Amino acid sequence: MIGYLKSLVGRHPEHHTGHNPAGALAIIGLLTLIAVTAASGFATYNELGGEWLEELHEGAANGMMLLVIVHVLGVVVSSFVHKENLVRSMFTGRKPVPASEGIRRAWAPLAAALLAAVLGFWWLQYEAAPSGTLAQAAALSHDKSADRDDD
């Protein structure tokens, strides 16, 4: 990664078909921080730990926001240096490269499995949530505002 970053200021920056080493490290960091933020938030919400989990959750979330900013700046710099639109590539999943450097197979089954796992987890959380919580909160809020109107 350090070699790649040094090459950006030189006359011949390294070019990579997929993620460059700095981008790959940022992605690994983001995925790790997402997992830590989600797990510590889940544990904190369910009161499975003490205040240290709240601090871990807040620190991981702040670190993730910082890393997102660094990653976006890196995309802008890399797009400029390599004279290519990386933002478009991030949305389309396609990047103009010689056929010999193209990705040979998609990971669609893995993507489908991850999507199913996330949706399954959300469904379990939805089913485990106390029923009527949102409706009760809305009714309570409405009653309080009605009390203020009478004064």
N, C-alpha and C. Protein backbone atom coordinates (compact mmCIF):
# COMPACT_ATOMS: atom_id res chain seq x y z
N MET A 1 0.82 -1.18 0.00
CA MET A 1 0.00 0.00 0.00
C MET A 1 0.87 1.25 0.00
N ILE A 2 1.94 1.24 0.77
CA ILE A 2 2.81 2.42 0.84
C ILE A 2 3.44 2.68 -0.53
N GLY A 3 3.84 1.61 -1.21
CA GLY A 3 4.40 1.76 -2.56
C GLY A 3 3.40 2.38 -3.51
N TYR A 4 2.14 1.96 -3.41
CA TYR A 4 1.10 2.54 -4.27
C TYR A 4 0.93 4.02 -3.97
N LEU A 5 0.85 4.38 -2.69
CA LEU A 5 0.67 5.79 -2.33
C LEU A 5 1.85 6.64 -2.80
N LYS A 6 3.07 6.09 -2.70
CA LYS A 6 4.24 6.82 -3.20
C LYS A 6 4.18 7.00 -4.70
N SER A 7 3.63 6.00 -5.40
CA SER A 7 3.58 6.09 -6.86
C SER A 7 2.61 7.18 -7.33
N LEU A 8 1.65 7.55 -6.49
CA LEU A 8 0.68 8.58 -6.87
C LEU A 8 1.32 9.95 -7.07
N VAL A 9 2.40 10.21 -6.35
CA VAL A 9 3.07 11.50 -6.49
C VAL A 9 4.17 11.46 -7.55
N GLY A 10 4.46 10.28 -8.06
CA GLY A 10 5.49 10.13 -9.09
C GLY A 10 4.91 10.33 -10.49
N ARG A 11 5.76 10.12 -11.47
CA ARG A 11 5.35 10.32 -12.86
C ARG A 11 4.54 9.15 -13.42
N HIS A 12 4.71 7.96 -12.84
CA HIS A 12 4.02 6.77 -13.33
C HIS A 12 3.28 6.08 -12.19
N PRO A 13 2.09 6.58 -11.86
CA PRO A 13 1.34 5.95 -10.75
C PRO A 13 0.89 4.54 -11.13
N GLU A 14 0.94 3.65 -10.15
CA GLU A 14 0.49 2.27 -10.37
C GLU A 14 -0.99 2.28 -10.71
N HIS A 15 -1.39 1.48 -11.68
CA HIS A 15 -2.79 1.36 -12.05
C HIS A 15 -3.26 -0.05 -11.76
N HIS A 16 -4.45 -0.18 -11.20
CA HIS A 16 -5.00 -1.49 -10.85
C HIS A 16 -6.38 -1.61 -11.46
N THR A 17 -6.69 -2.79 -11.97
CA THR A 17 -8.01 -3.02 -12.57
C THR A 17 -9.09 -2.98 -11.50
N GLY A 18 -8.88 -3.64 -10.41
CA GLY A 18 -9.83 -3.64 -9.30
C GLY A 18 -9.45 -2.58 -8.29
N HIS A 19 -9.67 -2.87 -7.04
CA HIS A 19 -9.27 -1.92 -6.00
C HIS A 19 -7.76 -1.82 -5.95
N ASN A 20 -7.27 -0.61 -5.78
CA ASN A 20 -5.84 -0.45 -5.55
C ASN A 20 -5.57 -0.85 -4.09
N PRO A 21 -4.32 -1.02 -3.71
CA PRO A 21 -4.03 -1.49 -2.35
C PRO A 21 -4.62 -0.61 -1.25
N ALA A 22 -4.60 0.71 -1.44
CA ALA A 22 -5.15 1.61 -0.42
C ALA A 22 -6.67 1.46 -0.36
N GLY A 23 -7.32 1.36 -1.51
CA GLY A 23 -8.77 1.17 -1.55
C GLY A 23 -9.19 -0.16 -0.94
N ALA A 24 -8.42 -1.19 -1.21
CA ALA A 24 -8.72 -2.52 -0.65
C ALA A 24 -8.61 -2.49 0.87
N LEU A 25 -7.59 -1.83 1.38
CA LEU A 25 -7.43 -1.72 2.83
C LEU A 25 -8.58 -0.91 3.43
N ALA A 26 -9.01 0.15 2.74
CA ALA A 26 -10.14 0.94 3.22
C ALA A 26 -11.41 0.10 3.27
N ILE A 27 -11.64 -0.73 2.26
CA ILE A 27 -12.82 -1.59 2.23
C ILE A 27 -12.80 -2.58 3.38
N ILE A 28 -11.65 -3.19 3.63
CA ILE A 28 -11.53 -4.12 4.75
C ILE A 28 -11.79 -3.40 6.07
N GLY A 29 -11.25 -2.19 6.20
CA GLY A 29 -11.49 -1.40 7.40
C GLY A 29 -12.96 -1.04 7.57
N LEU A 30 -13.59 -0.63 6.48
CA LEU A 30 -15.01 -0.28 6.55
C LEU A 30 -15.87 -1.48 6.94
N LEU A 31 -15.60 -2.63 6.32
CA LEU A 31 -16.37 -3.83 6.66
C LEU A 31 -16.17 -4.24 8.12
N THR A 32 -14.95 -4.12 8.60
CA THR A 32 -14.65 -4.45 10.00
C THR A 32 -15.39 -3.48 10.93
N LEU A 33 -15.31 -2.18 10.63
CA LEU A 33 -15.98 -1.20 11.48
C LEU A 33 -17.51 -1.33 11.43
N ILE A 34 -18.04 -1.70 10.28
CA ILE A 34 -19.49 -1.94 10.19
C ILE A 34 -19.88 -3.09 11.09
N ALA A 35 -19.10 -4.17 11.06
CA ALA A 35 -19.40 -5.34 11.90
C ALA A 35 -19.31 -4.98 13.39
N VAL A 36 -18.27 -4.25 13.77
CA VAL A 36 -18.10 -3.85 15.18
C VAL A 36 -19.22 -2.92 15.61
N THR A 37 -19.57 -1.95 14.75
CA THR A 37 -20.65 -1.01 15.07
C THR A 37 -21.98 -1.75 15.23
N ALA A 38 -22.27 -2.64 14.31
CA ALA A 38 -23.55 -3.38 14.37
C ALA A 38 -23.59 -4.29 15.60
N ALA A 39 -22.53 -5.03 15.84
CA ALA A 39 -22.52 -5.96 16.98
C ALA A 39 -22.58 -5.23 18.31
N SER A 40 -21.81 -4.15 18.45
CA SER A 40 -21.82 -3.41 19.71
C SER A 40 -23.15 -2.66 19.89
N GLY A 41 -23.74 -2.20 18.80
CA GLY A 41 -25.05 -1.55 18.89
C GLY A 41 -26.12 -2.54 19.30
N PHE A 42 -26.09 -3.73 18.71
CA PHE A 42 -27.04 -4.78 19.06
C PHE A 42 -26.89 -5.16 20.54
N ALA A 43 -25.65 -5.34 20.98
CA ALA A 43 -25.41 -5.72 22.38
C ALA A 43 -25.83 -4.61 23.33
N THR A 44 -25.56 -3.36 22.96
CA THR A 44 -25.95 -2.24 23.81
C THR A 44 -27.46 -2.13 23.88
N TYR A 45 -28.14 -2.26 22.74
CA TYR A 45 -29.59 -2.17 22.69
C TYR A 45 -30.25 -3.23 23.56
N ASN A 46 -29.67 -4.42 23.56
CA ASN A 46 -30.21 -5.53 24.34
C ASN A 46 -29.62 -5.60 25.75
N GLU A 47 -28.90 -4.57 26.14
CA GLU A 47 -28.29 -4.46 27.47
C GLU A 47 -27.45 -5.68 27.83
N LEU A 48 -26.62 -6.10 26.89
CA LEU A 48 -25.76 -7.27 27.10
C LEU A 48 -24.39 -6.90 27.66
N GLY A 49 -24.10 -5.64 27.72
CA GLY A 49 -22.80 -5.21 28.22
C GLY A 49 -22.94 -3.91 28.97
N GLY A 50 -21.85 -3.41 29.41
CA GLY A 50 -21.87 -2.17 30.17
C GLY A 50 -21.61 -0.96 29.29
N GLU A 51 -21.17 0.07 29.97
CA GLU A 51 -20.91 1.34 29.28
C GLU A 51 -19.77 1.23 28.27
N TRP A 52 -18.86 0.29 28.50
CA TRP A 52 -17.74 0.13 27.58
C TRP A 52 -18.23 -0.23 26.18
N LEU A 53 -19.33 -0.99 26.09
CA LEU A 53 -19.88 -1.33 24.77
C LEU A 53 -20.45 -0.10 24.08
N GLU A 54 -21.06 0.79 24.86
CA GLU A 54 -21.56 2.03 24.28
C GLU A 54 -20.40 2.86 23.72
N GLU A 55 -19.31 2.89 24.47
CA GLU A 55 -18.13 3.65 24.03
C GLU A 55 -17.52 3.00 22.78
N LEU A 56 -17.46 1.67 22.77
CA LEU A 56 -16.95 0.96 21.59
C LEU A 56 -17.83 1.25 20.38
N HIS A 57 -19.14 1.22 20.57
CA HIS A 57 -20.08 1.49 19.48
C HIS A 57 -19.87 2.90 18.92
N GLU A 58 -19.78 3.87 19.81
CA GLU A 58 -19.58 5.25 19.37
C GLU A 58 -18.23 5.42 18.69
N GLY A 59 -17.18 4.84 19.23
CA GLY A 59 -15.85 4.94 18.62
C GLY A 59 -15.80 4.28 17.25
N ALA A 60 -16.41 3.11 17.11
CA ALA A 60 -16.42 2.42 15.82
C ALA A 60 -17.21 3.22 14.79
N ALA A 61 -18.34 3.79 15.20
CA ALA A 61 -19.15 4.58 14.28
C ALA A 61 -18.40 5.84 13.84
N ASN A 62 -17.74 6.50 14.76
CA ASN A 62 -16.96 7.69 14.40
C ASN A 62 -15.77 7.33 13.51
N GLY A 63 -15.12 6.21 13.82
CA GLY A 63 -14.02 5.76 12.97
C GLY A 63 -14.50 5.43 11.57
N MET A 64 -15.68 4.84 11.48
CA MET A 64 -16.23 4.51 10.17
C MET A 64 -16.52 5.78 9.37
N MET A 65 -17.09 6.80 10.02
CA MET A 65 -17.36 8.05 9.31
C MET A 65 -16.06 8.69 8.81
N LEU A 66 -15.03 8.65 9.64
CA LEU A 66 -13.74 9.20 9.23
C LEU A 66 -13.17 8.42 8.05
N LEU A 67 -13.25 7.10 8.11
CA LEU A 67 -12.73 6.27 7.02
C LEU A 67 -13.52 6.46 5.73
N VAL A 68 -14.83 6.70 5.84
CA VAL A 68 -15.64 6.99 4.64
C VAL A 68 -15.14 8.27 3.99
N ILE A 69 -14.87 9.29 4.78
CA ILE A 69 -14.37 10.56 4.24
C ILE A 69 -13.02 10.36 3.55
N VAL A 70 -12.12 9.63 4.21
CA VAL A 70 -10.80 9.35 3.62
C VAL A 70 -10.96 8.56 2.33
N HIS A 71 -11.86 7.58 2.32
CA HIS A 71 -12.09 6.76 1.13
C HIS A 71 -12.63 7.61 -0.03
N VAL A 72 -13.58 8.47 0.24
CA VAL A 72 -14.14 9.33 -0.81
C VAL A 72 -13.05 10.26 -1.36
N LEU A 73 -12.25 10.83 -0.49
CA LEU A 73 -11.13 11.67 -0.95
C LEU A 73 -10.16 10.85 -1.80
N GLY A 74 -9.91 9.62 -1.41
CA GLY A 74 -9.03 8.75 -2.18
C GLY A 74 -9.60 8.44 -3.56
N VAL A 75 -10.90 8.26 -3.64
CA VAL A 75 -11.55 8.01 -4.93
C VAL A 75 -11.39 9.23 -5.83
N VAL A 76 -11.58 10.42 -5.27
CA VAL A 76 -11.45 11.65 -6.05
C VAL A 76 -10.01 11.80 -6.56
N VAL A 77 -9.03 11.62 -5.67
CA VAL A 77 -7.62 11.75 -6.06
C VAL A 77 -7.27 10.70 -7.11
N SER A 78 -7.65 9.46 -6.88
CA SER A 78 -7.32 8.39 -7.82
C SER A 78 -7.99 8.60 -9.17
N SER A 79 -9.23 9.09 -9.17
CA SER A 79 -9.91 9.39 -10.44
C SER A 79 -9.15 10.44 -11.22
N PHE A 80 -8.68 11.45 -10.52
CA PHE A 80 -7.93 12.53 -11.17
C PHE A 80 -6.58 12.03 -11.69
N VAL A 81 -5.85 11.31 -10.86
CA VAL A 81 -4.51 10.84 -11.23
C VAL A 81 -4.57 9.86 -12.40
N HIS A 82 -5.54 8.94 -12.37
CA HIS A 82 -5.62 7.91 -13.40
C HIS A 82 -6.51 8.31 -14.59
N LYS A 83 -7.10 9.49 -14.49
CA LYS A 83 -7.97 10.00 -15.55
C LYS A 83 -9.09 9.00 -15.90
N GLU A 84 -9.79 8.55 -14.87
CA GLU A 84 -10.92 7.64 -15.06
C GLU A 84 -11.99 7.98 -14.03
N ASN A 85 -13.23 7.68 -14.36
CA ASN A 85 -14.36 8.00 -13.50
C ASN A 85 -14.64 6.81 -12.58
N LEU A 86 -14.00 6.82 -11.41
CA LEU A 86 -14.17 5.71 -10.47
C LEU A 86 -15.55 5.72 -9.82
N VAL A 87 -16.15 6.90 -9.69
CA VAL A 87 -17.49 6.97 -9.10
C VAL A 87 -18.48 6.22 -9.99
N ARG A 88 -18.40 6.43 -11.29
CA ARG A 88 -19.27 5.69 -12.21
C ARG A 88 -19.02 4.19 -12.07
N SER A 89 -17.77 3.81 -11.98
CA SER A 89 -17.43 2.39 -11.83
C SER A 89 -18.01 1.81 -10.54
N MET A 90 -18.05 2.62 -9.48
CA MET A 90 -18.60 2.15 -8.22
C MET A 90 -20.10 1.88 -8.33
N PHE A 91 -20.79 2.66 -9.14
CA PHE A 91 -22.23 2.47 -9.31
C PHE A 91 -22.56 1.39 -10.32
N THR A 92 -21.81 1.34 -11.41
CA THR A 92 -22.13 0.38 -12.46
C THR A 92 -21.46 -0.97 -12.24
N GLY A 93 -20.35 -0.98 -11.52
CA GLY A 93 -19.60 -2.22 -11.35
C GLY A 93 -18.72 -2.54 -12.54
N ARG A 94 -18.61 -1.60 -13.45
CA ARG A 94 -17.83 -1.83 -14.67
C ARG A 94 -16.75 -0.76 -14.80
N LYS A 95 -15.62 -1.20 -15.37
CA LYS A 95 -14.48 -0.31 -15.56
C LYS A 95 -13.84 -0.69 -16.88
N PRO A 96 -13.61 0.29 -17.75
CA PRO A 96 -13.00 -0.06 -19.04
C PRO A 96 -11.55 -0.52 -18.87
N VAL A 97 -11.32 -1.79 -19.17
CA VAL A 97 -9.99 -2.38 -19.08
C VAL A 97 -9.82 -3.35 -20.24
N PRO A 98 -8.59 -3.70 -20.56
CA PRO A 98 -8.39 -4.74 -21.58
C PRO A 98 -9.06 -6.05 -21.16
N ALA A 99 -9.55 -6.80 -22.12
CA ALA A 99 -10.27 -8.05 -21.83
C ALA A 99 -9.43 -9.01 -21.00
N SER A 100 -8.12 -8.99 -21.20
CA SER A 100 -7.26 -9.90 -20.45
C SER A 100 -7.22 -9.59 -18.95
N GLU A 101 -7.59 -8.37 -18.57
CA GLU A 101 -7.58 -7.98 -17.17
C GLU A 101 -8.96 -8.04 -16.52
N GLY A 102 -9.97 -8.39 -17.30
CA GLY A 102 -11.34 -8.40 -16.79
C GLY A 102 -11.58 -9.50 -15.77
N ILE A 103 -12.64 -9.35 -15.02
CA ILE A 103 -13.02 -10.35 -14.02
C ILE A 103 -13.68 -11.50 -14.76
N ARG A 104 -13.22 -12.71 -14.49
CA ARG A 104 -13.68 -13.87 -15.25
C ARG A 104 -15.03 -14.41 -14.80
N ARG A 105 -15.34 -14.30 -13.50
CA ARG A 105 -16.63 -14.82 -13.06
C ARG A 105 -17.19 -13.92 -11.96
N ALA A 106 -18.49 -13.85 -11.92
CA ALA A 106 -19.17 -13.04 -10.92
C ALA A 106 -19.36 -13.86 -9.64
N TRP A 107 -19.59 -13.18 -8.58
CA TRP A 107 -19.81 -13.81 -7.29
C TRP A 107 -21.29 -13.71 -6.91
N ALA A 108 -22.19 -13.87 -7.88
CA ALA A 108 -23.62 -13.71 -7.64
C ALA A 108 -24.15 -14.64 -6.53
N PRO A 109 -23.75 -15.91 -6.47
CA PRO A 109 -24.27 -16.77 -5.39
C PRO A 109 -23.87 -16.25 -4.00
N LEU A 110 -22.66 -15.74 -3.87
CA LEU A 110 -22.23 -15.19 -2.58
C LEU A 110 -23.05 -13.94 -2.25
N ALA A 111 -23.27 -13.08 -3.24
CA ALA A 111 -24.08 -11.88 -3.02
C ALA A 111 -25.49 -12.26 -2.60
N ALA A 112 -26.07 -13.26 -3.24
CA ALA A 112 -27.43 -13.71 -2.89
C ALA A 112 -27.46 -14.27 -1.47
N ALA A 113 -26.44 -15.02 -1.09
CA ALA A 113 -26.39 -15.59 0.26
C ALA A 113 -26.26 -14.49 1.31
N LEU A 114 -25.43 -13.49 1.05
CA LEU A 114 -25.29 -12.37 1.98
C LEU A 114 -26.59 -11.59 2.11
N LEU A 115 -27.24 -11.34 0.98
CA LEU A 115 -28.52 -10.63 1.00
C LEU A 115 -29.55 -11.42 1.80
N ALA A 116 -29.63 -12.73 1.59
CA ALA A 116 -30.56 -13.57 2.34
C ALA A 116 -30.25 -13.53 3.84
N ALA A 117 -28.98 -13.56 4.20
CA ALA A 117 -28.58 -13.52 5.62
C ALA A 117 -28.99 -12.19 6.25
N VAL A 118 -28.74 -11.09 5.57
CA VAL A 118 -29.10 -9.78 6.12
C VAL A 118 -30.61 -9.64 6.25
N LEU A 119 -31.35 -10.02 5.21
CA LEU A 119 -32.81 -9.93 5.28
C LEU A 119 -33.37 -10.85 6.35
N GLY A 120 -32.77 -12.03 6.51
CA GLY A 120 -33.20 -12.95 7.57
C GLY A 120 -32.97 -12.37 8.95
N PHE A 121 -31.81 -11.74 9.13
CA PHE A 121 -31.51 -11.12 10.43
C PHE A 121 -32.50 -10.00 10.71
N TRP A 122 -32.78 -9.16 9.71
CA TRP A 122 -33.75 -8.07 9.90
C TRP A 122 -35.12 -8.64 10.26
N TRP A 123 -35.53 -9.72 9.58
CA TRP A 123 -36.83 -10.31 9.87
C TRP A 123 -36.88 -10.82 11.30
N LEU A 124 -35.82 -11.48 11.76
CA LEU A 124 -35.78 -11.96 13.15
C LEU A 124 -35.88 -10.80 14.13
N GLN A 125 -35.19 -9.70 13.84
CA GLN A 125 -35.27 -8.52 14.71
C GLN A 125 -36.67 -7.94 14.72
N TYR A 126 -37.30 -7.91 13.56
CA TYR A 126 -38.66 -7.39 13.45
C TYR A 126 -39.63 -8.25 14.25
N GLU A 127 -39.48 -9.56 14.13
CA GLU A 127 -40.37 -10.48 14.84
C GLU A 127 -40.14 -10.43 16.35
N ALA A 128 -38.93 -10.18 16.79
CA ALA A 128 -38.61 -10.18 18.21
C ALA A 128 -38.94 -8.84 18.88
N ALA A 129 -39.19 -7.81 18.10
CA ALA A 129 -39.48 -6.49 18.66
C ALA A 129 -40.82 -6.51 19.37
N PRO A 130 -40.93 -5.76 20.47
CA PRO A 130 -42.22 -5.68 21.17
C PRO A 130 -43.29 -5.14 20.23
N SER A 131 -44.46 -5.75 20.26
CA SER A 131 -45.52 -5.31 19.34
C SER A 131 -46.13 -4.01 19.83
N GLY A 132 -46.47 -3.17 18.87
CA GLY A 132 -47.17 -1.93 19.17
C GLY A 132 -46.30 -0.83 19.73
N THR A 133 -45.01 -1.02 19.77
CA THR A 133 -44.13 -0.01 20.36
C THR A 133 -44.23 1.32 19.62
N LEU A 134 -44.19 1.29 18.30
CA LEU A 134 -44.26 2.54 17.54
C LEU A 134 -45.64 3.19 17.68
N ALA A 135 -46.67 2.39 17.64
CA ALA A 135 -48.03 2.93 17.78
C ALA A 135 -48.23 3.52 19.17
N GLN A 136 -47.72 2.85 20.19
CA GLN A 136 -47.85 3.37 21.55
C GLN A 136 -47.07 4.67 21.72
N ALA A 137 -45.87 4.74 21.14
CA ALA A 137 -45.08 5.96 21.23
C ALA A 137 -45.77 7.11 20.51
N ALA A 138 -46.34 6.84 19.35
CA ALA A 138 -47.06 7.88 18.60
C ALA A 138 -48.27 8.35 19.38
N ALA A 139 -49.01 7.42 19.98
CA ALA A 139 -50.19 7.80 20.77
C ALA A 139 -49.79 8.62 21.98
N LEU A 140 -48.72 8.24 22.65
CA LEU A 140 -48.24 8.98 23.81
C LEU A 140 -47.83 10.38 23.41
N SER A 141 -47.11 10.50 22.30
CA SER A 141 -46.70 11.81 21.80
C SER A 141 -47.91 12.65 21.45
N HIS A 142 -48.92 12.05 20.85
CA HIS A 142 -50.14 12.77 20.48
C HIS A 142 -50.87 13.25 21.73
N ASP A 143 -50.94 12.39 22.78
CA ASP A 143 -51.61 12.77 24.02
C ASP A 143 -50.91 13.93 24.70
N LYS A 144 -49.58 13.95 24.69
CA LYS A 144 -48.83 15.04 25.32
C LYS A 144 -49.06 16.34 24.57
N SER A 145 -49.08 16.29 23.24
CA SER A 145 -49.30 17.51 22.48
C SER A 145 -50.73 18.00 22.66
N ALA A 146 -51.68 17.10 22.83
CA ALA A 146 -53.06 17.49 23.07
C ALA A 146 -53.18 18.15 24.43
N ASP A 147 -52.43 17.65 25.44
CA ASP A 147 -52.46 18.28 26.75
C ASP A 147 -51.94 19.70 26.70
N ARG A 148 -50.92 19.96 25.90
CA ARG A 148 -50.37 21.32 25.78
C ARG A 148 -51.35 22.25 25.09
N ASP A 149 -52.13 21.71 24.16
CA ASP A 149 -53.09 22.53 23.45
C ASP A 149 -54.20 23.01 24.35
N ASP A 150 -54.53 22.23 25.40
CA ASP A 150 -55.62 22.59 26.30
C ASP A 150 -55.24 23.72 27.25
N ASP A 151 -53.94 23.88 27.48
CA ASP A 151 -53.50 24.89 28.45
C ASP A 151 -53.66 26.26 27.95
